Amino acid sequence: MYPGNQQMTYIYPMIDEVRQGDNPWRSVTFCYQGCLPENPPKWMTEDFILITHNICSVLCEQIACTDFNTHWDYVPFMEFNDTGDRVWTNLMSADWAAKQAVCVLYFYFYFYQSH
């Protein structure tokens, strides 16, 4: 295809042209907040910009898209490699998904089973 950075200059505009739903790009500036050593590395003193979409909106758009039928993990899970280290492969393998599932179950049992 294209070597090195030339490939990125070709792909990025194509990605920016993708329109799915109403979820604009947002940028968040962040930096290291911990204690600095005497001669900190450059990354500890710089600001960084994360450009992203609202993840909950992206998730709702993906769930509504029929292209994802039969290709969706509906249940939170934990995955481990051969050495026993945890591997995060997608949203449903994250702790956030497990916590959300617990919240939904709590809501269901509290409001629908107790009344």
N, C-alpha and C. Protein backbone atom coordinates (compact mmCIF):
# COMPACT_ATOMS: atom_id res chain seq x y z
N MET A 1 0.85 -1.19 0.00
CA MET A 1 0.00 0.00 0.00
C MET A 1 0.89 1.24 0.00
N TYR A 2 0.92 1.98 1.11
CA TYR A 2 1.74 3.17 1.22
C TYR A 2 2.73 2.98 2.36
N PRO A 3 3.98 3.41 2.19
CA PRO A 3 4.96 3.24 3.27
C PRO A 3 4.81 4.29 4.37
N GLY A 4 5.06 3.86 5.62
CA GLY A 4 5.17 4.76 6.76
C GLY A 4 4.06 5.78 6.91
N ASN A 5 4.46 7.05 7.08
CA ASN A 5 3.51 8.13 7.32
C ASN A 5 2.62 8.43 6.13
N GLN A 6 3.04 8.07 4.94
CA GLN A 6 2.20 8.29 3.76
C GLN A 6 0.89 7.52 3.89
N GLN A 7 0.96 6.33 4.49
CA GLN A 7 -0.25 5.54 4.68
C GLN A 7 -1.20 6.28 5.62
N MET A 8 -0.67 6.87 6.68
CA MET A 8 -1.51 7.57 7.64
C MET A 8 -2.15 8.82 7.02
N THR A 9 -1.41 9.53 6.20
CA THR A 9 -1.99 10.72 5.57
C THR A 9 -3.08 10.33 4.58
N TYR A 10 -3.07 9.09 4.12
CA TYR A 10 -4.10 8.59 3.23
C TYR A 10 -5.31 8.09 4.03
N ILE A 11 -5.06 7.40 5.14
CA ILE A 11 -6.12 6.76 5.92
C ILE A 11 -6.88 7.75 6.80
N TYR A 12 -6.19 8.66 7.46
CA TYR A 12 -6.86 9.57 8.40
C TYR A 12 -8.00 10.37 7.76
N PRO A 13 -7.81 10.97 6.59
CA PRO A 13 -8.94 11.68 5.98
C PRO A 13 -10.13 10.76 5.68
N MET A 14 -9.84 9.50 5.32
CA MET A 14 -10.93 8.55 5.07
C MET A 14 -11.70 8.27 6.35
N ILE A 15 -10.99 8.11 7.46
CA ILE A 15 -11.65 7.86 8.75
C ILE A 15 -12.50 9.07 9.14
N ASP A 16 -11.96 10.26 8.93
CA ASP A 16 -12.70 11.48 9.29
C ASP A 16 -13.99 11.64 8.49
N GLU A 17 -14.06 11.05 7.29
CA GLU A 17 -15.23 11.15 6.46
C GLU A 17 -16.36 10.20 6.87
N VAL A 18 -16.06 9.22 7.71
CA VAL A 18 -17.08 8.26 8.13
C VAL A 18 -18.10 8.99 8.99
N ARG A 19 -19.36 8.86 8.64
CA ARG A 19 -20.44 9.48 9.39
C ARG A 19 -21.41 8.40 9.82
N GLN A 20 -21.53 8.19 11.09
CA GLN A 20 -22.47 7.22 11.63
C GLN A 20 -23.11 7.86 12.84
N GLY A 21 -24.34 8.28 12.72
CA GLY A 21 -25.04 8.89 13.84
C GLY A 21 -24.57 10.32 14.09
N ASP A 22 -24.98 10.83 15.23
CA ASP A 22 -24.64 12.21 15.60
C ASP A 22 -23.76 12.18 16.84
N ASN A 23 -22.48 11.97 16.63
CA ASN A 23 -21.54 11.86 17.74
C ASN A 23 -20.25 12.57 17.35
N PRO A 24 -20.17 13.87 17.60
CA PRO A 24 -19.01 14.63 17.15
C PRO A 24 -17.73 14.26 17.91
N TRP A 25 -16.61 14.56 17.27
CA TRP A 25 -15.32 14.37 17.92
C TRP A 25 -15.20 15.36 19.07
N ARG A 26 -14.57 14.93 20.15
CA ARG A 26 -14.29 15.80 21.29
C ARG A 26 -12.82 15.65 21.65
N SER A 27 -12.22 16.73 22.11
CA SER A 27 -10.82 16.63 22.53
C SER A 27 -10.71 16.93 24.02
N VAL A 28 -9.84 16.18 24.66
CA VAL A 28 -9.60 16.33 26.09
C VAL A 28 -8.10 16.46 26.28
N THR A 29 -7.68 17.50 26.99
CA THR A 29 -6.27 17.68 27.29
C THR A 29 -5.98 17.07 28.65
N PHE A 30 -4.89 16.33 28.73
CA PHE A 30 -4.52 15.72 30.00
C PHE A 30 -3.01 15.73 30.14
N CYS A 31 -2.55 15.54 31.37
CA CYS A 31 -1.12 15.50 31.65
C CYS A 31 -0.87 14.65 32.89
N TYR A 32 0.37 14.31 33.10
CA TYR A 32 0.78 13.54 34.27
C TYR A 32 0.53 14.39 35.51
N GLN A 33 -0.07 13.81 36.54
CA GLN A 33 -0.46 14.56 37.74
C GLN A 33 0.33 14.14 38.98
N GLY A 34 1.21 13.16 38.83
CA GLY A 34 1.94 12.65 40.00
C GLY A 34 3.14 13.51 40.37
N CYS A 35 3.85 13.05 41.36
CA CYS A 35 5.08 13.75 41.80
C CYS A 35 6.14 13.62 40.72
N LEU A 36 6.88 14.71 40.53
CA LEU A 36 7.93 14.71 39.51
C LEU A 36 9.29 14.41 40.13
N PRO A 37 10.07 13.55 39.50
CA PRO A 37 11.44 13.33 39.97
C PRO A 37 12.31 14.55 39.64
N GLU A 38 13.53 14.53 40.07
CA GLU A 38 14.43 15.67 39.87
C GLU A 38 14.61 16.02 38.39
N ASN A 39 14.84 15.04 37.56
CA ASN A 39 14.96 15.25 36.11
C ASN A 39 13.88 14.42 35.41
N PRO A 40 12.66 14.95 35.38
CA PRO A 40 11.56 14.14 34.84
C PRO A 40 11.70 13.91 33.33
N PRO A 41 11.25 12.75 32.87
CA PRO A 41 11.22 12.54 31.42
C PRO A 41 10.23 13.50 30.77
N LYS A 42 10.41 13.73 29.51
CA LYS A 42 9.62 14.71 28.78
C LYS A 42 8.11 14.46 28.89
N TRP A 43 7.69 13.20 28.84
CA TRP A 43 6.26 12.89 28.88
C TRP A 43 5.61 13.30 30.19
N MET A 44 6.38 13.42 31.26
CA MET A 44 5.82 13.80 32.55
C MET A 44 5.50 15.29 32.64
N THR A 45 6.05 16.09 31.75
CA THR A 45 5.86 17.54 31.82
C THR A 45 5.04 18.10 30.65
N GLU A 46 4.68 17.24 29.72
CA GLU A 46 3.94 17.70 28.54
C GLU A 46 2.44 17.51 28.71
N ASP A 47 1.67 18.31 27.99
CA ASP A 47 0.23 18.10 27.87
C ASP A 47 -0.02 17.21 26.65
N PHE A 48 -1.04 16.38 26.76
CA PHE A 48 -1.42 15.51 25.66
C PHE A 48 -2.88 15.76 25.32
N ILE A 49 -3.23 15.51 24.07
CA ILE A 49 -4.62 15.69 23.62
C ILE A 49 -5.15 14.34 23.18
N LEU A 50 -6.27 13.95 23.78
CA LEU A 50 -6.98 12.75 23.39
C LEU A 50 -8.20 13.19 22.59
N ILE A 51 -8.31 12.68 21.38
CA ILE A 51 -9.45 13.02 20.53
C ILE A 51 -10.30 11.77 20.41
N THR A 52 -11.57 11.89 20.81
CA THR A 52 -12.42 10.72 20.90
C THR A 52 -13.88 11.07 20.68
N HIS A 53 -14.70 10.05 20.58
CA HIS A 53 -16.14 10.20 20.58
C HIS A 53 -16.65 9.84 21.97
N ASN A 54 -17.88 10.21 22.28
CA ASN A 54 -18.51 9.78 23.52
C ASN A 54 -18.73 8.27 23.41
N ILE A 55 -18.07 7.49 24.28
CA ILE A 55 -18.08 6.04 24.17
C ILE A 55 -19.49 5.45 24.32
N CYS A 56 -20.30 6.04 25.19
CA CYS A 56 -21.67 5.53 25.36
C CYS A 56 -22.49 5.73 24.09
N SER A 57 -22.30 6.87 23.42
CA SER A 57 -23.01 7.10 22.16
C SER A 57 -22.53 6.15 21.07
N VAL A 58 -21.22 5.91 21.02
CA VAL A 58 -20.68 4.96 20.04
C VAL A 58 -21.27 3.58 20.28
N LEU A 59 -21.33 3.18 21.54
CA LEU A 59 -21.87 1.88 21.89
C LEU A 59 -23.35 1.76 21.47
N CYS A 60 -24.12 2.79 21.73
CA CYS A 60 -25.53 2.78 21.31
C CYS A 60 -25.66 2.67 19.79
N GLU A 61 -24.81 3.37 19.06
CA GLU A 61 -24.84 3.31 17.60
C GLU A 61 -24.47 1.92 17.11
N GLN A 62 -23.47 1.30 17.76
CA GLN A 62 -23.06 -0.04 17.35
C GLN A 62 -24.16 -1.06 17.63
N ILE A 63 -24.78 -0.95 18.77
CA ILE A 63 -25.86 -1.89 19.11
C ILE A 63 -27.01 -1.77 18.12
N ALA A 64 -27.30 -0.56 17.68
CA ALA A 64 -28.40 -0.33 16.74
C ALA A 64 -28.05 -0.77 15.31
N CYS A 65 -26.79 -0.93 15.00
CA CYS A 65 -26.35 -1.28 13.65
C CYS A 65 -26.49 -2.78 13.41
N THR A 66 -27.25 -3.16 12.40
CA THR A 66 -27.47 -4.58 12.11
C THR A 66 -26.22 -5.29 11.60
N ASP A 67 -25.19 -4.54 11.18
CA ASP A 67 -23.94 -5.17 10.75
C ASP A 67 -23.26 -5.93 11.89
N PHE A 68 -23.61 -5.60 13.14
CA PHE A 68 -22.99 -6.24 14.29
C PHE A 68 -23.77 -7.45 14.80
N ASN A 69 -24.90 -7.77 14.17
CA ASN A 69 -25.68 -8.93 14.61
C ASN A 69 -24.81 -10.18 14.59
N THR A 70 -24.89 -10.97 15.61
CA THR A 70 -24.13 -12.21 15.83
C THR A 70 -22.64 -11.98 16.02
N HIS A 71 -22.20 -10.75 16.13
CA HIS A 71 -20.78 -10.46 16.36
C HIS A 71 -20.59 -9.63 17.62
N TRP A 72 -21.44 -9.83 18.59
CA TRP A 72 -21.47 -8.95 19.75
C TRP A 72 -21.33 -9.77 21.03
N ASP A 73 -20.44 -9.32 21.93
CA ASP A 73 -20.35 -9.94 23.25
C ASP A 73 -21.34 -9.22 24.15
N TYR A 74 -22.39 -9.91 24.57
CA TYR A 74 -23.41 -9.30 25.41
C TYR A 74 -23.11 -9.40 26.90
N VAL A 75 -22.19 -10.26 27.25
CA VAL A 75 -21.90 -10.53 28.65
C VAL A 75 -20.47 -10.09 28.98
N PRO A 76 -20.29 -9.35 30.07
CA PRO A 76 -18.92 -9.00 30.48
C PRO A 76 -18.11 -10.27 30.75
N PHE A 77 -16.82 -10.22 30.44
CA PHE A 77 -15.97 -11.39 30.66
C PHE A 77 -14.55 -10.95 31.01
N MET A 78 -13.79 -11.87 31.59
CA MET A 78 -12.37 -11.66 31.86
C MET A 78 -11.61 -12.65 31.01
N GLU A 79 -10.53 -12.18 30.38
CA GLU A 79 -9.71 -13.03 29.53
C GLU A 79 -8.29 -12.98 30.05
N PHE A 80 -7.60 -14.14 30.02
CA PHE A 80 -6.23 -14.23 30.52
C PHE A 80 -5.36 -14.91 29.47
N ASN A 81 -4.10 -14.50 29.42
CA ASN A 81 -3.17 -15.14 28.48
C ASN A 81 -2.56 -16.39 29.12
N ASP A 82 -1.61 -17.03 28.42
CA ASP A 82 -1.02 -18.28 28.89
C ASP A 82 -0.26 -18.14 30.21
N THR A 83 0.23 -16.93 30.50
CA THR A 83 0.98 -16.73 31.74
C THR A 83 0.09 -16.27 32.89
N GLY A 84 -1.21 -16.17 32.64
CA GLY A 84 -2.14 -15.78 33.69
C GLY A 84 -2.38 -14.30 33.82
N ASP A 85 -1.79 -13.49 32.93
CA ASP A 85 -2.00 -12.04 32.96
C ASP A 85 -3.33 -11.70 32.29
N ARG A 86 -4.00 -10.71 32.84
CA ARG A 86 -5.28 -10.30 32.27
C ARG A 86 -5.07 -9.60 30.93
N VAL A 87 -5.96 -9.89 29.99
CA VAL A 87 -5.91 -9.30 28.65
C VAL A 87 -7.22 -8.55 28.43
N TRP A 88 -7.12 -7.30 28.02
CA TRP A 88 -8.30 -6.50 27.71
C TRP A 88 -8.40 -6.43 26.20
N THR A 89 -9.43 -7.06 25.64
CA THR A 89 -9.55 -7.12 24.19
C THR A 89 -10.64 -6.23 23.62
N ASN A 90 -11.65 -5.92 24.44
CA ASN A 90 -12.72 -5.05 23.96
C ASN A 90 -13.48 -4.50 25.16
N LEU A 91 -14.50 -3.74 24.89
CA LEU A 91 -15.26 -3.08 25.96
C LEU A 91 -15.82 -4.06 26.97
N MET A 92 -16.30 -5.21 26.51
CA MET A 92 -16.92 -6.16 27.43
C MET A 92 -15.90 -6.91 28.28
N SER A 93 -14.62 -6.80 27.97
CA SER A 93 -13.60 -7.42 28.82
C SER A 93 -13.08 -6.44 29.86
N ALA A 94 -13.62 -5.25 29.90
CA ALA A 94 -13.17 -4.23 30.84
C ALA A 94 -13.98 -4.29 32.13
N ASP A 95 -13.41 -3.77 33.20
CA ASP A 95 -14.11 -3.73 34.49
C ASP A 95 -15.37 -2.86 34.41
N TRP A 96 -15.34 -1.82 33.57
CA TRP A 96 -16.48 -0.93 33.44
C TRP A 96 -17.72 -1.71 33.03
N ALA A 97 -17.59 -2.63 32.08
CA ALA A 97 -18.74 -3.40 31.61
C ALA A 97 -19.30 -4.27 32.73
N ALA A 98 -18.44 -4.88 33.52
CA ALA A 98 -18.90 -5.70 34.64
C ALA A 98 -19.64 -4.86 35.67
N LYS A 99 -19.13 -3.68 35.95
CA LYS A 99 -19.79 -2.79 36.92
C LYS A 99 -21.15 -2.33 36.41
N GLN A 100 -21.24 -2.06 35.11
CA GLN A 100 -22.52 -1.64 34.54
C GLN A 100 -23.53 -2.78 34.61
N ALA A 101 -23.08 -4.00 34.36
CA ALA A 101 -23.98 -5.15 34.43
C ALA A 101 -24.51 -5.34 35.85
N VAL A 102 -23.65 -5.16 36.83
CA VAL A 102 -24.07 -5.27 38.22
C VAL A 102 -25.09 -4.19 38.55
N CYS A 103 -24.89 -2.99 38.05
CA CYS A 103 -25.85 -1.90 38.29
C CYS A 103 -27.21 -2.22 37.69
N VAL A 104 -27.22 -2.78 36.49
CA VAL A 104 -28.48 -3.12 35.82
C VAL A 104 -29.19 -4.23 36.59
N LEU A 105 -28.45 -5.24 37.02
CA LEU A 105 -29.06 -6.33 37.78
C LEU A 105 -29.63 -5.82 39.10
N TYR A 106 -28.87 -4.97 39.77
CA TYR A 106 -29.35 -4.40 41.03
C TYR A 106 -30.64 -3.63 40.79
N PHE A 107 -30.65 -2.80 39.78
CA PHE A 107 -31.84 -2.00 39.45
C PHE A 107 -33.03 -2.92 39.17
N TYR A 108 -32.79 -3.95 38.37
CA TYR A 108 -33.87 -4.87 38.01
C TYR A 108 -34.44 -5.56 39.26
N PHE A 109 -33.57 -6.14 40.07
CA PHE A 109 -34.05 -6.88 41.23
C PHE A 109 -34.65 -5.96 42.31
N TYR A 110 -34.09 -4.80 42.46
CA TYR A 110 -34.58 -3.88 43.47
C TYR A 110 -35.97 -3.32 43.10
N PHE A 111 -36.10 -2.87 41.87
CA PHE A 111 -37.34 -2.21 41.48
C PHE A 111 -38.43 -3.16 40.97
N TYR A 112 -38.05 -4.23 40.30
CA TYR A 112 -39.06 -5.08 39.71
C TYR A 112 -39.39 -6.32 40.54
N GLN A 113 -38.46 -6.79 41.31
CA GLN A 113 -38.72 -8.00 42.09
C GLN A 113 -39.22 -7.68 43.49
N SER A 114 -38.93 -6.52 44.02
CA SER A 114 -39.32 -6.21 45.39
C SER A 114 -40.68 -5.54 45.48
N HIS A 115 -41.26 -5.15 44.35
CA HIS A 115 -42.56 -4.46 44.37
C HIS A 115 -43.66 -5.32 43.81
